[in-house]
C-alpha atoms as a PDB file:
ATOM      1  CA  UNK A   1      14.921 -15.264  -0.998  1.00  0.00           C
ATOM      2  CA  UNK A   2      16.067 -15.206  -4.485  1.00  0.00           C
ATOM      3  CA  UNK A   3      18.787 -12.682  -5.102  1.00  0.00           C
ATOM      4  CA  UNK A   4      17.186 -11.501  -8.442  1.00  0.00           C
ATOM      5  CA  UNK A   5      13.899 -11.082  -6.338  1.00  0.00           C
ATOM      6  CA  UNK A   6      15.707  -9.042  -3.782  1.00  0.00           C
ATOM      7  CA  UNK A   7      17.219  -6.796  -6.442  1.00  0.00           C
ATOM      8  CA  UNK A   8      14.087  -6.032  -7.708  1.00  0.00           C
ATOM      9  CA  UNK A   9      12.366  -5.190  -4.419  1.00  0.00           C
ATOM     10  CA  UNK A  10      15.363  -2.861  -3.838  1.00  0.00           C
ATOM     11  CA  UNK A  11      14.882  -1.267  -7.331  1.00  0.00           C
ATOM     12  CA  UNK A  12      11.176  -0.936  -6.229  1.00  0.00           C
ATOM     13  CA  UNK A  13      12.207   0.750  -2.988  1.00  0.00           C
ATOM     14  CA  UNK A  14      14.628   3.086  -4.725  1.00  0.00           C
ATOM     15  CA  UNK A  15      12.006   4.040  -7.334  1.00  0.00           C
ATOM     16  CA  UNK A  16       9.544   4.996  -4.444  1.00  0.00           C
ATOM     17  CA  UNK A  17      12.282   7.025  -2.670  1.00  0.00           C
ATOM     18  CA  UNK A  18      13.040   8.948  -5.992  1.00  0.00           C
ATOM     19  CA  UNK A  19       9.295   9.506  -6.648  1.00  0.00           C
ATOM     20  CA  UNK A  20       8.935  11.346  -3.248  1.00  0.00           C
ATOM     21  CA  UNK A  21      12.165  13.094  -3.548  1.00  0.00           C
ATOM     22  CA  UNK A  22      11.166  14.440  -7.122  1.00  0.00           C
ATOM     23  CA  UNK A  23       7.544  15.508  -6.035  1.00  0.00           C
ATOM     24  CA  UNK A  24       6.723  19.125  -6.558  1.00  0.00           C
ATOM     25  CA  UNK A  25       3.840  18.866  -4.174  1.00  0.00           C
ATOM     26  CA  UNK A  26       5.774  17.393  -1.281  1.00  0.00           C
ATOM     27  CA  UNK A  27       8.472  19.834  -1.771  1.00  0.00           C
ATOM     28  CA  UNK A  28       6.211  22.552  -1.461  1.00  0.00           C
ATOM     29  CA  UNK A  29       4.350  21.415   1.595  1.00  0.00           C
ATOM     30  CA  UNK A  30       7.973  20.762   3.307  1.00  0.00           C
ATOM     31  CA  UNK A  31       8.710  24.362   2.139  1.00  0.00           C
ATOM     32  CA  UNK A  32       5.526  25.650   3.726  1.00  0.00           C
ATOM     33  CA  UNK A  33       6.012  23.944   6.874  1.00  0.00           C
ATOM     34  CA  UNK A  34       9.717  25.234   7.246  1.00  0.00           C
ATOM     35  CA  UNK A  35       8.258  28.976   6.486  1.00  0.00           C
ATOM     36  CA  UNK A  36       6.153  28.267   9.607  1.00  0.00           C
ATOM     37  CA  UNK A  37       9.420  27.664  11.682  1.00  0.00           C
ATOM     38  CA  UNK A  38       9.553  23.845  11.770  1.00  0.00           C
ATOM     39  CA  UNK A  39      12.212  21.575  10.412  1.00  0.00           C
ATOM     40  CA  UNK A  40      11.033  18.438   8.624  1.00  0.00           C
ATOM     41  CA  UNK A  41      11.988  14.852   8.857  1.00  0.00           C
ATOM     42  CA  UNK A  42      10.154  12.923   6.637  1.00  0.00           C
ATOM     43  CA  UNK A  43      10.260   8.916   7.244  1.00  0.00           C
ATOM     44  CA  UNK A  44       8.046   6.811   5.040  1.00  0.00           C
ATOM     45  CA  UNK A  45       7.615   2.892   5.651  1.00  0.00           C
ATOM     46  CA  UNK A  46       6.442   0.655   2.851  1.00  0.00           C
ATOM     47  CA  UNK A  47       5.216  -2.789   3.051  1.00  0.00           C
ATOM     48  CA  UNK A  48       5.720  -4.929   0.204  1.00  0.00           C
ATOM     49  CA  UNK A  49       3.824  -8.073  -0.373  1.00  0.00           C
ATOM     50  CA  UNK A  50       4.485 -10.776  -2.697  1.00  0.00           C
ATOM     51  CA  UNK A  51       2.191 -13.747  -3.779  1.00  0.00           C
ATOM     52  CA  UNK A  52       3.614 -16.351  -5.715  1.00  0.00           C
ATOM     53  CA  UNK A  53       1.132 -16.550  -8.557  1.00  0.00           C
ATOM     54  CA  UNK A  54       2.813 -19.681 -10.269  1.00  0.00           C
ATOM     55  CA  UNK A  55       2.279 -21.839  -7.384  1.00  0.00           C
ATOM     56  CA  UNK A  56      -0.993 -20.546  -6.102  1.00  0.00           C
ATOM     57  CA  UNK A  57      -4.234 -22.580  -6.219  1.00  0.00           C
ATOM     58  CA  UNK A  58      -7.382 -20.833  -7.935  1.00  0.00           C
ATOM     59  CA  UNK A  59      -8.951 -18.617  -5.373  1.00  0.00           C
ATOM     60  CA  UNK A  60      -6.160 -18.757  -2.941  1.00  0.00           C
ATOM     61  CA  UNK A  61      -4.947 -15.261  -3.733  1.00  0.00           C
ATOM     62  CA  UNK A  62      -8.185 -13.618  -2.925  1.00  0.00           C
ATOM     63  CA  UNK A  63      -8.726 -12.713  -6.517  1.00  0.00           C
ATOM     64  CA  UNK A  64     -11.535 -15.111  -7.290  1.00  0.00           C
ATOM     65  CA  UNK A  65     -14.516 -16.374  -5.309  1.00  0.00           C
ATOM     66  CA  UNK A  66     -13.294 -14.882  -2.071  1.00  0.00           C
ATOM     67  CA  UNK A  67     -14.049 -11.302  -2.094  1.00  0.00           C
ATOM     68  CA  UNK A  68     -16.733  -8.921  -1.086  1.00  0.00           C
ATOM     69  CA  UNK A  69     -18.637  -6.514  -3.275  1.00  0.00           C
ATOM     70  CA  UNK A  70     -19.506  -3.065  -2.060  1.00  0.00           C
ATOM     71  CA  UNK A  71     -22.939  -1.592  -2.938  1.00  0.00           C
ATOM     72  CA  UNK A  72     -21.463   0.155  -5.908  1.00  0.00           C
ATOM     73  CA  UNK A  73     -20.087  -3.049  -7.339  1.00  0.00           C
ATOM     74  CA  UNK A  74     -16.502  -2.500  -6.072  1.00  0.00           C
ATOM     75  CA  UNK A  75     -14.896  -5.791  -5.367  1.00  0.00           C
ATOM     76  CA  UNK A  76     -12.613  -6.143  -2.330  1.00  0.00           C
ATOM     77  CA  UNK A  77     -10.095  -8.949  -1.832  1.00  0.00           C
ATOM     78  CA  UNK A  78      -9.167 -10.142   1.547  1.00  0.00           C
ATOM     79  CA  UNK A  79      -5.993  -8.251   1.190  1.00  0.00           C
ATOM     80  CA  UNK A  80      -7.861  -4.947   0.333  1.00  0.00           C
ATOM     81  CA  UNK A  81     -10.089  -5.363   3.308  1.00  0.00           C
ATOM     82  CA  UNK A  82      -7.153  -6.004   5.596  1.00  0.00           C
ATOM     83  CA  UNK A  83      -5.254  -2.993   4.122  1.00  0.00           C
ATOM     84  CA  UNK A  84      -8.235  -0.721   4.635  1.00  0.00           C
ATOM     85  CA  UNK A  85      -8.672  -2.079   8.245  1.00  0.00           C
ATOM     86  CA  UNK A  86      -4.992  -1.286   8.796  1.00  0.00           C
ATOM     87  CA  UNK A  87      -6.028   2.462   8.066  1.00  0.00           C
ATOM     88  CA  UNK A  88      -9.176   2.253  10.296  1.00  0.00           C
ATOM     89  CA  UNK A  89     -11.171   2.411   7.261  1.00  0.00           C
ATOM     90  CA  UNK A  90     -14.412   0.170   7.438  1.00  0.00           C
ATOM     91  CA  UNK A  91     -16.385  -1.249   4.576  1.00  0.00           C
ATOM     92  CA  UNK A  92     -20.201  -1.373   4.927  1.00  0.00           C
ATOM     93  CA  UNK A  93     -21.367  -4.885   5.233  1.00  0.00           C
ATOM     94  CA  UNK A  94     -18.055  -5.991   6.893  1.00  0.00           C
ATOM     95  CA  UNK A  95     -18.107  -6.580  10.609  1.00  0.00           C
ATOM     96  CA  UNK A  96     -16.205  -3.927  12.715  1.00  0.00           C
ATOM     97  CA  UNK A  97     -12.647  -4.624  14.113  1.00  0.00           C
ATOM     98  CA  UNK A  98     -12.577  -5.016  17.698  1.00  0.00           C
END
């Protein structure tokens, strides 16, 4: 992996970490949990996917021609559908996961 790209991904991870640390909403919920007598250990996992758009063929990134349109006109790419499926969320019109 390109060292510059590695640095950018590390910066993204640090930015996500800082966002969580500085979130007043998260701090409030953690404080409420502690008031109920529990210690909190928060571990988050982030998956960062990269697509090289400079070398992609048209339609190969799931952005054009290879998408599903929901009844309200929302367009889902194969990446969107895989993400939703990983969260156990189904989209009407798609075949259910086995």
